[in-house]
Amino acid sequence: MNPTNLQQKRNASRRRPAGLTQQQAAVITIGRLLIPYRVNARPEQRAELIGMARMAAALGAITPDEHAHLLSLISTDAAPAAPEVH
C-alpha cells in the first residue's frame, strides 16, 4: 500500500461518524489511546493522552469530572507496571 493511501485511511478513521455526539467521539478517541497505554505504559503514550484530555476538556467534549477521572487513570501512581523482559 502506498503511503498516500495509508495516510488517507488513517485520516478517514479519525473523522467523527455521523450520529455520534462530540462527547461520544472524544470518549472513543481517548479510549483508543488509553487501552495501549494501559498495556505498554510508555511515557509518550501518557503525554498524548494528557494532551487529548486537555483538548477534549477545552472543547467541552468532556466534563471537568470526566477530565479529572481520566487524569486519575493515567496518573503515574496508577500506571501499570512495565512488562518484564525474560
C-alpha atoms as a PDB file:
ATOM      1  CA  MET A   1       0.000   0.000   0.000  1.00  0.00           C
ATOM      2  CA  ASN A   2       1.463   3.351  -0.897  1.00  0.00           C
ATOM      3  CA  PRO A   3       1.934   5.956   1.877  1.00  0.00           C
ATOM      4  CA  THR A   4      -0.713   8.294   0.454  1.00  0.00           C
ATOM      5  CA  ASN A   5      -3.423   5.644   0.705  1.00  0.00           C
ATOM      6  CA  LEU A   6      -2.318   4.728   4.209  1.00  0.00           C
ATOM      7  CA  GLN A   7      -2.496   8.376   5.307  1.00  0.00           C
ATOM      8  CA  GLN A   8      -5.931   8.767   3.699  1.00  0.00           C
ATOM      9  CA  LYS A   9      -7.206   5.687   5.549  1.00  0.00           C
ATOM     10  CA  ARG A  10      -5.747   6.955   8.819  1.00  0.00           C
ATOM     11  CA  ASN A  11      -7.393  10.368   8.346  1.00  0.00           C
ATOM     12  CA  ALA A  12     -10.720   8.789   7.386  1.00  0.00           C
ATOM     13  CA  SER A  13     -10.696   6.637  10.519  1.00  0.00           C
ATOM     14  CA  ARG A  14     -10.307   9.757  12.687  1.00  0.00           C
ATOM     15  CA  ARG A  15     -13.352  11.548  11.316  1.00  0.00           C
ATOM     16  CA  ARG A  16     -16.393  11.526  13.527  1.00  0.00           C
ATOM     17  CA  PRO A  17     -19.019   9.130  12.159  1.00  0.00           C
ATOM     18  CA  ALA A  18     -22.461  10.621  11.576  1.00  0.00           C
ATOM     19  CA  GLY A  19     -24.750  10.303  14.558  1.00  0.00           C
ATOM     20  CA  LEU A  20     -22.068  10.462  17.255  1.00  0.00           C
ATOM     21  CA  THR A  21     -22.042  13.354  19.660  1.00  0.00           C
ATOM     22  CA  GLN A  22     -18.868  15.302  20.305  1.00  0.00           C
ATOM     23  CA  GLN A  23     -18.670  13.668  23.729  1.00  0.00           C
ATOM     24  CA  GLN A  24     -19.021  10.149  22.296  1.00  0.00           C
ATOM     25  CA  ALA A  25     -16.353  10.825  19.682  1.00  0.00           C
ATOM     26  CA  ALA A  26     -13.996  12.143  22.381  1.00  0.00           C
ATOM     27  CA  VAL A  27     -14.551   9.083  24.567  1.00  0.00           C
ATOM     28  CA  ILE A  28     -13.903   6.737  21.630  1.00  0.00           C
ATOM     29  CA  THR A  29     -10.745   8.575  20.597  1.00  0.00           C
ATOM     30  CA  ILE A  30      -9.353   8.729  24.120  1.00  0.00           C
ATOM     31  CA  GLY A  31     -10.326   5.104  24.744  1.00  0.00           C
ATOM     32  CA  ARG A  32      -8.378   4.040  21.664  1.00  0.00           C
ATOM     33  CA  LEU A  33      -5.313   5.688  23.175  1.00  0.00           C
ATOM     34  CA  LEU A  34      -5.947   4.561  26.755  1.00  0.00           C
ATOM     35  CA  ILE A  35      -6.002   0.828  26.014  1.00  0.00           C
ATOM     36  CA  PRO A  36      -2.484   0.636  24.517  1.00  0.00           C
ATOM     37  CA  TYR A  37      -1.214   2.911  27.297  1.00  0.00           C
ATOM     38  CA  ARG A  38      -2.597   0.588  29.972  1.00  0.00           C
ATOM     39  CA  VAL A  39      -0.783  -2.295  28.249  1.00  0.00           C
ATOM     40  CA  ASN A  40       2.539  -0.613  27.416  1.00  0.00           C
ATOM     41  CA  ALA A  41       2.783   2.323  29.852  1.00  0.00           C
ATOM     42  CA  ARG A  42       5.074   4.320  27.590  1.00  0.00           C
ATOM     43  CA  PRO A  43       5.716   7.939  28.600  1.00  0.00           C
ATOM     44  CA  GLU A  44       4.936   9.204  25.089  1.00  0.00           C
ATOM     45  CA  GLN A  45       1.553   7.448  25.202  1.00  0.00           C
ATOM     46  CA  ARG A  46       0.807   9.109  28.540  1.00  0.00           C
ATOM     47  CA  ALA A  47       1.786  12.510  27.136  1.00  0.00           C
ATOM     48  CA  GLU A  48      -0.514  12.001  24.154  1.00  0.00           C
ATOM     49  CA  LEU A  49      -3.398  11.044  26.449  1.00  0.00           C
ATOM     50  CA  ILE A  50      -2.867  14.110  28.622  1.00  0.00           C
ATOM     51  CA  GLY A  51      -2.897  16.302  25.517  1.00  0.00           C
ATOM     52  CA  MET A  52      -6.067  14.674  24.193  1.00  0.00           C
ATOM     53  CA  ALA A  53      -7.752  15.051  27.581  1.00  0.00           C
ATOM     54  CA  ARG A  54      -6.847  18.742  27.732  1.00  0.00           C
ATOM     55  CA  MET A  55      -8.126  19.315  24.219  1.00  0.00           C
ATOM     56  CA  ALA A  56     -11.382  17.450  24.866  1.00  0.00           C
ATOM     57  CA  ALA A  57     -11.950  19.425  28.066  1.00  0.00           C
ATOM     58  CA  ALA A  58     -11.143  22.737  26.364  1.00  0.00           C
ATOM     59  CA  LEU A  59     -13.603  21.964  23.568  1.00  0.00           C
ATOM     60  CA  GLY A  60     -16.291  20.970  26.050  1.00  0.00           C
ATOM     61  CA  ALA A  61     -16.374  17.391  24.746  1.00  0.00           C
ATOM     62  CA  ILE A  62     -15.838  16.016  28.258  1.00  0.00           C
ATOM     63  CA  THR A  63     -16.879  17.442  31.593  1.00  0.00           C
ATOM     64  CA  PRO A  64     -14.421  18.615  34.247  1.00  0.00           C
ATOM     65  CA  ASP A  65     -15.294  15.495  36.276  1.00  0.00           C
ATOM     66  CA  GLU A  66     -14.580  13.227  33.293  1.00  0.00           C
ATOM     67  CA  HIS A  67     -11.313  15.071  32.706  1.00  0.00           C
ATOM     68  CA  ALA A  68     -10.264  14.603  36.333  1.00  0.00           C
ATOM     69  CA  HIS A  69     -11.222  10.913  36.214  1.00  0.00           C
ATOM     70  CA  LEU A  70      -9.203  10.385  33.050  1.00  0.00           C
ATOM     71  CA  LEU A  71      -6.179  12.079  34.590  1.00  0.00           C
ATOM     72  CA  SER A  72      -6.515   9.825  37.632  1.00  0.00           C
ATOM     73  CA  LEU A  73      -6.489   6.782  35.319  1.00  0.00           C
ATOM     74  CA  ILE A  74      -3.227   7.874  33.744  1.00  0.00           C
ATOM     75  CA  SER A  75      -1.504   9.274  36.811  1.00  0.00           C
ATOM     76  CA  THR A  76       1.972   7.905  37.362  1.00  0.00           C
ATOM     77  CA  ASP A  77       0.769   6.285  40.596  1.00  0.00           C
ATOM     78  CA  ALA A  78      -1.911   4.337  38.704  1.00  0.00           C
ATOM     79  CA  ALA A  79       0.284   3.443  35.723  1.00  0.00           C
ATOM     80  CA  PRO A  80       0.606  -0.276  35.079  1.00  0.00           C
ATOM     81  CA  ALA A  81       3.957  -1.832  35.776  1.00  0.00           C
ATOM     82  CA  ALA A  82       6.203  -2.179  32.765  1.00  0.00           C
ATOM     83  CA  PRO A  83       6.244  -5.735  31.424  1.00  0.00           C
ATOM     84  CA  GLU A  84       9.207  -7.850  32.453  1.00  0.00           C
ATOM     85  CA  VAL A  85      11.566  -8.960  29.738  1.00  0.00           C
ATOM     86  CA  HIS A  86      12.725 -12.552  30.067  1.00  0.00           C
END
